[in-house]
């Protein structure tokens, strides 16, 4: 047995099988897609890779600057941007934050009551049109809500990576999450 085989056996031995379903069975051959985790499903240290990735276009970037009234020309004026150290239009960092947050919703906040805040946001590498972003979130902490017994508070650290695996942004996000059996899903026919 090689060292690689021994390491893989060790990794496999340390892994506990856990399945988080993406479908709820409605009948013998009928299923409904589900999204998100309940408070009970989060375990500190779990990391979720969010897919699909998203390739950013100039149109995405220009629309974001228009929607948010960001007047920094490096984001929408190619002639201006060509004279900067970037030599081309730089993607607005609030677009990056919004995309990475959105990528994580299916898993970490589809069962959210409310976002409680973003913290420690860091733009760590420039992004340009044509870059593809991927996200991953690691559970940092969780606790039951003191004032809302049917909900809990979860904090995750999310990292954005480009197509080359370089970290482009990181942040922490804290959310109030429904506990199992207490979300509006049944009443809303979800």
Protein backbone atom coordinates (compact mmCIF):
# COMPACT_ATOMS: atom_id res chain seq x y z
CA UNK A 1 0.00 0.00 0.00
CA UNK A 2 1.37 3.42 -0.96
CA UNK A 3 1.44 6.51 1.23
CA UNK A 4 -1.32 7.99 -0.96
CA UNK A 5 -3.53 4.92 -0.37
CA UNK A 6 -2.88 5.13 3.36
CA UNK A 7 -3.77 8.84 3.42
CA UNK A 8 -6.99 8.24 1.48
CA UNK A 9 -7.97 5.45 3.90
CA UNK A 10 -7.31 7.83 6.81
CA UNK A 11 -9.40 10.57 5.20
CA UNK A 12 -12.20 8.12 4.42
CA UNK A 13 -12.03 6.77 7.98
CA UNK A 14 -12.40 10.28 9.38
CA UNK A 15 -15.37 11.15 7.20
CA UNK A 16 -18.86 10.75 8.54
CA UNK A 17 -21.45 10.24 5.83
CA UNK A 18 -24.01 13.02 5.86
CA UNK A 19 -26.67 13.61 3.24
CA UNK A 20 -28.45 16.94 2.94
CA UNK A 21 -31.37 16.37 0.59
CA UNK A 22 -32.20 18.76 -2.24
CA UNK A 23 -35.60 17.14 -2.86
CA UNK A 24 -38.70 16.36 -0.82
CA UNK A 25 -40.79 13.40 -1.94
CA UNK A 26 -44.41 14.36 -2.58
CA UNK A 27 -45.59 10.99 -3.89
CA UNK A 28 -44.28 7.66 -5.19
CA UNK A 29 -42.65 9.27 -8.27
CA UNK A 30 -42.97 12.99 -7.55
CA UNK A 31 -40.39 15.28 -5.91
CA UNK A 32 -40.11 18.96 -5.16
CA UNK A 33 -36.79 20.83 -5.13
CA UNK A 34 -35.83 22.26 -1.78
CA UNK A 35 -33.25 24.85 -0.87
CA UNK A 36 -31.38 25.75 2.24
CA UNK A 37 -30.50 24.31 5.57
CA UNK A 38 -32.40 24.54 8.80
CA UNK A 39 -30.59 25.74 11.90
CA UNK A 40 -30.17 22.12 13.06
CA UNK A 41 -28.37 21.18 9.83
CA UNK A 42 -25.46 23.58 10.34
CA UNK A 43 -22.33 22.18 11.97
CA UNK A 44 -19.37 24.34 12.88
CA UNK A 45 -16.51 23.66 10.48
CA UNK A 46 -18.65 22.42 7.59
CA UNK A 47 -17.67 23.99 4.26
CA UNK A 48 -20.08 24.23 1.35
CA UNK A 49 -18.88 24.80 -2.23
CA UNK A 50 -21.51 26.83 -4.07
CA UNK A 51 -22.19 26.05 -7.71
CA UNK A 52 -22.70 27.07 -10.44
CA UNK A 53 -20.01 29.68 -10.88
CA UNK A 54 -20.71 32.98 -12.61
CA UNK A 55 -18.74 34.68 -15.39
CA UNK A 56 -18.90 38.45 -15.05
CA UNK A 57 -19.52 40.60 -18.14
CA UNK A 58 -18.99 44.29 -18.85
CA UNK A 59 -22.78 44.65 -18.96
CA UNK A 60 -23.12 43.22 -15.42
CA UNK A 61 -20.54 45.67 -14.16
CA UNK A 62 -21.97 48.73 -15.94
CA UNK A 63 -25.54 47.93 -14.84
CA UNK A 64 -24.42 47.58 -11.22
CA UNK A 65 -22.74 50.98 -11.31
CA UNK A 66 -25.87 52.53 -12.83
CA UNK A 67 -28.22 50.84 -10.34
CA UNK A 68 -26.15 51.92 -7.36
CA UNK A 69 -25.27 55.38 -8.74
CA UNK A 70 -21.56 54.62 -8.37
CA UNK A 71 -19.84 57.44 -10.27
CA UNK A 72 -16.28 56.02 -10.15
CA UNK A 73 -15.38 55.93 -13.88
CA UNK A 74 -12.93 53.02 -13.53
CA UNK A 75 -16.03 50.78 -13.48
CA UNK A 76 -17.84 52.05 -16.61
CA UNK A 77 -15.56 54.30 -18.72
CA UNK A 78 -13.13 52.17 -20.74
CA UNK A 79 -11.10 55.21 -21.91
CA UNK A 80 -10.64 56.40 -18.32
CA UNK A 81 -9.91 52.89 -17.03
CA UNK A 82 -7.22 52.43 -19.73
CA UNK A 83 -5.23 55.23 -18.08
CA UNK A 84 -5.31 53.60 -14.61
CA UNK A 85 -2.98 50.96 -13.21
CA UNK A 86 -5.64 48.36 -14.12
CA UNK A 87 -5.53 49.27 -17.86
CA UNK A 88 -9.18 48.17 -18.21
CA UNK A 89 -12.48 48.49 -16.39
CA UNK A 90 -12.42 47.11 -12.86
CA UNK A 91 -15.48 45.22 -11.60
CA UNK A 92 -17.35 47.12 -8.88
CA UNK A 93 -16.68 45.37 -5.56
CA UNK A 94 -20.32 45.70 -4.50
CA UNK A 95 -21.22 43.53 -7.51
CA UNK A 96 -18.74 40.94 -6.30
CA UNK A 97 -20.21 41.03 -2.79
CA UNK A 98 -23.74 40.68 -4.17
CA UNK A 99 -22.82 37.78 -6.47
CA UNK A 100 -20.96 35.83 -3.79
CA UNK A 101 -23.83 36.36 -1.35
CA UNK A 102 -26.30 35.24 -3.99
CA UNK A 103 -24.28 32.12 -4.80
CA UNK A 104 -24.46 31.07 -1.16
CA UNK A 105 -28.23 31.53 -0.75
CA UNK A 106 -29.26 28.07 -1.98
CA UNK A 107 -27.36 26.48 0.89
CA UNK A 108 -26.74 28.87 3.77
CA UNK A 109 -29.63 31.32 3.68
CA UNK A 110 -32.59 29.93 1.72
CA UNK A 111 -34.27 29.32 5.09
CA UNK A 112 -33.31 32.70 6.51
CA UNK A 113 -35.61 34.83 8.61
CA UNK A 114 -33.28 37.81 8.26
CA UNK A 115 -29.70 38.69 7.43
CA UNK A 116 -28.24 40.22 10.57
CA UNK A 117 -25.11 41.61 8.98
CA UNK A 118 -22.00 41.33 6.86
CA UNK A 119 -18.67 41.78 8.59
CA UNK A 120 -14.95 41.76 7.73
CA UNK A 121 -15.53 42.28 4.00
CA UNK A 122 -12.19 42.20 2.17
CA UNK A 123 -11.59 42.70 -1.56
CA UNK A 124 -8.34 40.78 -1.97
CA UNK A 125 -7.76 40.55 -5.73
CA UNK A 126 -8.99 42.59 -8.73
CA UNK A 127 -11.81 41.28 -10.90
CA UNK A 128 -12.40 42.09 -14.56
CA UNK A 129 -15.05 41.24 -17.13
CA UNK A 130 -14.47 37.66 -18.26
CA UNK A 131 -13.49 36.41 -14.80
CA UNK A 132 -15.55 33.53 -13.43
CA UNK A 133 -16.33 33.52 -9.73
CA UNK A 134 -17.03 30.60 -7.41
CA UNK A 135 -17.95 30.74 -3.74
CA UNK A 136 -17.55 28.59 -0.65
CA UNK A 137 -18.88 29.11 2.85
CA UNK A 138 -17.61 27.67 6.14
CA UNK A 139 -19.79 27.60 9.25
CA UNK A 140 -18.01 29.59 11.98
CA UNK A 141 -20.58 29.58 14.77
CA UNK A 142 -24.17 28.88 15.67
CA UNK A 143 -26.36 29.47 18.69
CA UNK A 144 -30.01 29.38 19.52
CA UNK A 145 -31.79 32.72 19.55
CA UNK A 146 -32.48 33.95 23.07
CA UNK A 147 -35.62 35.85 22.05
CA UNK A 148 -36.92 33.59 19.25
CA UNK A 149 -37.07 29.93 20.33
CA UNK A 150 -38.03 28.72 16.82
CA UNK A 151 -34.89 30.23 15.26
CA UNK A 152 -31.14 30.20 15.60
CA UNK A 153 -28.22 32.44 14.66
CA UNK A 154 -25.57 31.15 12.25
CA UNK A 155 -22.37 32.88 11.12
CA UNK A 156 -20.50 31.78 8.01
CA UNK A 157 -17.29 32.89 6.36
CA UNK A 158 -17.65 33.11 2.58
CA UNK A 159 -14.74 33.22 0.15
CA UNK A 160 -14.94 34.14 -3.50
CA UNK A 161 -12.45 32.48 -5.85
CA UNK A 162 -11.76 33.26 -9.48
CA UNK A 163 -11.25 30.74 -12.29
CA UNK A 164 -7.59 30.37 -11.27
CA UNK A 165 -8.42 29.63 -7.64
CA UNK A 166 -7.27 33.05 -6.38
CA UNK A 167 -9.28 34.47 -3.52
CA UNK A 168 -10.92 37.70 -4.73
CA UNK A 169 -13.10 38.50 -1.72
CA UNK A 170 -13.96 37.22 1.74
CA UNK A 171 -16.56 38.18 4.30
CA UNK A 172 -18.51 36.93 7.29
CA UNK A 173 -22.30 36.91 7.29
CA UNK A 174 -24.60 36.35 10.25
CA UNK A 175 -28.16 35.18 9.71
CA UNK A 176 -31.26 34.33 11.71
CA UNK A 177 -32.33 30.86 10.45
CA UNK A 178 -35.55 28.92 10.95
CA UNK A 179 -35.47 25.71 12.96
CA UNK A 180 -37.01 22.63 11.38
CA UNK A 181 -40.81 22.70 11.48
CA UNK A 182 -41.04 26.45 12.00
CA UNK A 183 -40.52 27.98 8.56
CA UNK A 184 -43.36 29.23 6.34
CA UNK A 185 -42.61 26.54 3.72
CA UNK A 186 -45.67 24.35 4.36
CA UNK A 187 -48.06 27.30 4.44
CA UNK A 188 -46.54 28.64 1.20
CA UNK A 189 -46.67 25.19 -0.47
CA UNK A 190 -42.90 24.96 -0.88
